[in-house]
Every structure is written in C-alpha cells, then in structure tokens.
C-alpha cells in the first residue's frame, strides 16, 4: 500500500512538472528528476530508478528485454503522454544503449537460452 501511495505521488509530481513547468523553474526541477531515482519500474513498481536506467516501452529496443526485467517504467507513467515526454527529456532510453545495459541484456539472454 505504501508503494502505491508513493507511486501516485510521484506520478502527480511528473504530471505537474510536465504541465506546469516554466523556464524559471525548469532547469532545477529537471535536474532533480534526472539525478534522483524517482521512476517506479516494472514488474510491480516497488523499485525506483533513474530515467537513464530505463527503456521506453514503445521504442524498438524494448524487445531486447523481458517485460519483468525492471527495465521499463510502470505502465501508468507511460500512458500519459506528457509524463512520458518528461521522462524522455530526462534521459529515458529509446536507442543507443549504454554498454553496461547491453552486457546485462546479453547475460540475461545467456541465462535463459544458454543452458542447452
């Protein structure tokens, strides 16, 4: 229950930032969002991650990851276009994965399919 409340508050914060941001407060708020784990991730929204640690589920690269791999924002954050755009603005991955993510992806594939 606490996790749901936290996620609802974070969603409201993202929605407010997306809809109410002005140039006077934009850089400070975006910096806070970009540098603090504040996006609940799949599968259950319990863990928080940075946008730069997560993949846009509508991007082509999403197919590299298991839907339950903690690599995606929870669906509520992706359904609202303005919230999704804010996550993209602060680094949500759409292409050009960092090498550490590619290595982790390869390891997970090996652990699933390399046991022949």
C-alpha atoms as a PDB file:
ATOM      1  CA  UNK A   1       0.000   0.000   0.000  1.00  0.00           C
ATOM      2  CA  UNK A   2       2.822   2.433   0.840  1.00  0.00           C
ATOM      3  CA  UNK A   3       4.383   1.720  -2.550  1.00  0.00           C
ATOM      4  CA  UNK A   4       1.109   2.570  -4.333  1.00  0.00           C
ATOM      5  CA  UNK A   5       0.803   5.846  -2.430  1.00  0.00           C
ATOM      6  CA  UNK A   6       4.435   6.736  -3.214  1.00  0.00           C
ATOM      7  CA  UNK A   7       3.946   5.943  -6.910  1.00  0.00           C
ATOM      8  CA  UNK A   8       0.748   8.009  -7.043  1.00  0.00           C
ATOM      9  CA  UNK A   9       2.589  10.978  -5.520  1.00  0.00           C
ATOM     10  CA  UNK A  10       5.487  10.567  -7.972  1.00  0.00           C
ATOM     11  CA  UNK A  11       3.058  10.350 -10.905  1.00  0.00           C
ATOM     12  CA  UNK A  12       1.321  13.530  -9.738  1.00  0.00           C
ATOM     13  CA  UNK A  13       4.694  15.233  -9.443  1.00  0.00           C
ATOM     14  CA  UNK A  14       5.650  14.226 -13.002  1.00  0.00           C
ATOM     15  CA  UNK A  15       2.263  15.336 -14.298  1.00  0.00           C
ATOM     16  CA  UNK A  16       2.582  18.693 -12.577  1.00  0.00           C
ATOM     17  CA  UNK A  17       6.120  19.185 -13.876  1.00  0.00           C
ATOM     18  CA  UNK A  18       5.020  18.255 -17.401  1.00  0.00           C
ATOM     19  CA  UNK A  19       2.057  20.605 -17.391  1.00  0.00           C
ATOM     20  CA  UNK A  20       3.188  23.486 -15.195  1.00  0.00           C
ATOM     21  CA  UNK A  21       6.885  23.874 -15.943  1.00  0.00           C
ATOM     22  CA  UNK A  22       8.111  27.347 -16.741  1.00  0.00           C
ATOM     23  CA  UNK A  23      11.571  28.419 -17.801  1.00  0.00           C
ATOM     24  CA  UNK A  24      12.237  29.933 -14.388  1.00  0.00           C
ATOM     25  CA  UNK A  25      11.995  26.614 -12.553  1.00  0.00           C
ATOM     26  CA  UNK A  26      12.615  24.195 -15.421  1.00  0.00           C
ATOM     27  CA  UNK A  27      16.325  23.512 -15.041  1.00  0.00           C
ATOM     28  CA  UNK A  28      16.236  22.974 -11.267  1.00  0.00           C
ATOM     29  CA  UNK A  29      13.255  20.594 -11.353  1.00  0.00           C
ATOM     30  CA  UNK A  30      14.526  18.691 -14.377  1.00  0.00           C
ATOM     31  CA  UNK A  31      17.919  18.337 -12.683  1.00  0.00           C
ATOM     32  CA  UNK A  32      16.272  16.892  -9.572  1.00  0.00           C
ATOM     33  CA  UNK A  33      14.244  14.407 -11.636  1.00  0.00           C
ATOM     34  CA  UNK A  34      17.216  13.467 -13.790  1.00  0.00           C
ATOM     35  CA  UNK A  35      19.603  12.811 -10.900  1.00  0.00           C
ATOM     36  CA  UNK A  36      17.373  11.037  -8.404  1.00  0.00           C
ATOM     37  CA  UNK A  37      15.773   7.600  -8.776  1.00  0.00           C
ATOM     38  CA  UNK A  38      12.120   8.599  -8.961  1.00  0.00           C
ATOM     39  CA  UNK A  39      10.540   6.383 -11.614  1.00  0.00           C
ATOM     40  CA  UNK A  40       8.844   3.181 -10.436  1.00  0.00           C
ATOM     41  CA  UNK A  41       9.782   0.285 -12.700  1.00  0.00           C
ATOM     42  CA  UNK A  42       8.294  -2.998 -13.795  1.00  0.00           C
ATOM     43  CA  UNK A  43       7.180  -5.528 -12.808  1.00  0.00           C
ATOM     44  CA  UNK A  44       5.470  -4.187  -9.676  1.00  0.00           C
ATOM     45  CA  UNK A  45       6.585  -0.576  -9.214  1.00  0.00           C
ATOM     46  CA  UNK A  46       8.411  -1.228  -5.957  1.00  0.00           C
ATOM     47  CA  UNK A  47      11.888  -0.267  -7.173  1.00  0.00           C
ATOM     48  CA  UNK A  48      12.743   3.297  -8.246  1.00  0.00           C
ATOM     49  CA  UNK A  49      15.253   4.033 -10.998  1.00  0.00           C
ATOM     50  CA  UNK A  50      16.688   6.945 -12.929  1.00  0.00           C
ATOM     51  CA  UNK A  51      15.175   7.644 -16.334  1.00  0.00           C
ATOM     52  CA  UNK A  52      18.579   6.867 -17.864  1.00  0.00           C
ATOM     53  CA  UNK A  53      18.356   3.333 -16.433  1.00  0.00           C
ATOM     54  CA  UNK A  54      15.010   2.611 -18.091  1.00  0.00           C
ATOM     55  CA  UNK A  55      13.787   1.925 -21.621  1.00  0.00           C
ATOM     56  CA  UNK A  56      10.817   3.487 -23.357  1.00  0.00           C
ATOM     57  CA  UNK A  57       8.455   0.509 -23.844  1.00  0.00           C
ATOM     58  CA  UNK A  58       7.370   1.905 -27.209  1.00  0.00           C
ATOM     59  CA  UNK A  59      10.955   2.097 -28.540  1.00  0.00           C
ATOM     60  CA  UNK A  60      12.266  -0.580 -30.881  1.00  0.00           C
ATOM     61  CA  UNK A  61      14.895  -1.630 -28.336  1.00  0.00           C
ATOM     62  CA  UNK A  62      12.204  -2.723 -25.851  1.00  0.00           C
ATOM     63  CA  UNK A  63      12.221  -6.174 -27.455  1.00  0.00           C
ATOM     64  CA  UNK A  64      15.700  -6.808 -26.049  1.00  0.00           C
ATOM     65  CA  UNK A  65      14.291  -7.006 -22.528  1.00  0.00           C
ATOM     66  CA  UNK A  66      11.939  -9.223 -20.597  1.00  0.00           C
ATOM     67  CA  UNK A  67       8.853  -7.195 -19.583  1.00  0.00           C
ATOM     68  CA  UNK A  68       9.546  -8.123 -15.942  1.00  0.00           C
ATOM     69  CA  UNK A  69      13.236  -7.176 -16.030  1.00  0.00           C
ATOM     70  CA  UNK A  70      12.971  -3.855 -14.154  1.00  0.00           C
ATOM     71  CA  UNK A  71      13.960  -2.058 -17.364  1.00  0.00           C
ATOM     72  CA  UNK A  72      10.684  -0.202 -18.001  1.00  0.00           C
ATOM     73  CA  UNK A  73       8.680   2.474 -16.201  1.00  0.00           C
ATOM     74  CA  UNK A  74       5.396   1.145 -14.848  1.00  0.00           C
ATOM     75  CA  UNK A  75       2.587   1.445 -17.385  1.00  0.00           C
ATOM     76  CA  UNK A  76       0.789   4.307 -15.592  1.00  0.00           C
ATOM     77  CA  UNK A  77       3.810   6.542 -16.254  1.00  0.00           C
ATOM     78  CA  UNK A  78       3.846   5.679 -19.972  1.00  0.00           C
ATOM     79  CA  UNK A  79       0.134   6.061 -20.706  1.00  0.00           C
ATOM     80  CA  UNK A  80       0.135   9.801 -20.026  1.00  0.00           C
ATOM     81  CA  UNK A  81       1.912  11.467 -22.982  1.00  0.00           C
ATOM     82  CA  UNK A  82       3.130  14.496 -21.034  1.00  0.00           C
ATOM     83  CA  UNK A  83       4.642  12.297 -18.308  1.00  0.00           C
ATOM     84  CA  UNK A  84       6.291  10.067 -20.934  1.00  0.00           C
ATOM     85  CA  UNK A  85       7.710  13.153 -22.642  1.00  0.00           C
ATOM     86  CA  UNK A  86       9.159  14.401 -19.346  1.00  0.00           C
ATOM     87  CA  UNK A  87      10.820  11.006 -18.801  1.00  0.00           C
ATOM     88  CA  UNK A  88      12.231  11.189 -22.342  1.00  0.00           C
ATOM     89  CA  UNK A  89      13.508  14.702 -21.655  1.00  0.00           C
ATOM     90  CA  UNK A  90      15.417  13.486 -18.586  1.00  0.00           C
ATOM     91  CA  UNK A  91      17.006  10.502 -20.292  1.00  0.00           C
ATOM     92  CA  UNK A  92      14.585   7.603 -20.802  1.00  0.00           C
ATOM     93  CA  UNK A  93      16.356   5.298 -23.261  1.00  0.00           C
ATOM     94  CA  UNK A  94      14.981   4.953 -26.778  1.00  0.00           C
ATOM     95  CA  UNK A  95      18.135   3.865 -28.637  1.00  0.00           C
ATOM     96  CA  UNK A  96      21.897   3.767 -28.194  1.00  0.00           C
ATOM     97  CA  UNK A  97      22.003   1.654 -25.060  1.00  0.00           C
ATOM     98  CA  UNK A  98      24.959   2.142 -22.702  1.00  0.00           C
ATOM     99  CA  UNK A  99      27.434  -0.764 -22.793  1.00  0.00           C
ATOM    100  CA  UNK A 100      26.636  -1.868 -19.240  1.00  0.00           C
ATOM    101  CA  UNK A 101      22.979  -2.295 -20.256  1.00  0.00           C
ATOM    102  CA  UNK A 102      23.970  -4.249 -23.372  1.00  0.00           C
ATOM    103  CA  UNK A 103      26.164  -6.544 -21.249  1.00  0.00           C
ATOM    104  CA  UNK A 104      23.348  -7.137 -18.740  1.00  0.00           C
ATOM    105  CA  UNK A 105      20.950  -7.876 -21.576  1.00  0.00           C
ATOM    106  CA  UNK A 106      23.393 -10.389 -23.049  1.00  0.00           C
ATOM    107  CA  UNK A 107      23.856 -12.057 -19.654  1.00  0.00           C
ATOM    108  CA  UNK A 108      20.108 -12.408 -19.170  1.00  0.00           C
ATOM    109  CA  UNK A 109      19.719 -13.936 -22.634  1.00  0.00           C
ATOM    110  CA  UNK A 110      22.549 -16.366 -21.884  1.00  0.00           C
ATOM    111  CA  UNK A 111      20.996 -17.341 -18.556  1.00  0.00           C
ATOM    112  CA  UNK A 112      17.677 -18.127 -20.263  1.00  0.00           C
ATOM    113  CA  UNK A 113      18.810 -19.625 -23.551  1.00  0.00           C
ATOM    114  CA  UNK A 114      22.397 -20.687 -22.938  1.00  0.00           C
ATOM    115  CA  UNK A 115      21.530 -23.727 -20.814  1.00  0.00           C
ATOM    116  CA  UNK A 116      21.386 -26.247 -23.661  1.00  0.00           C
END
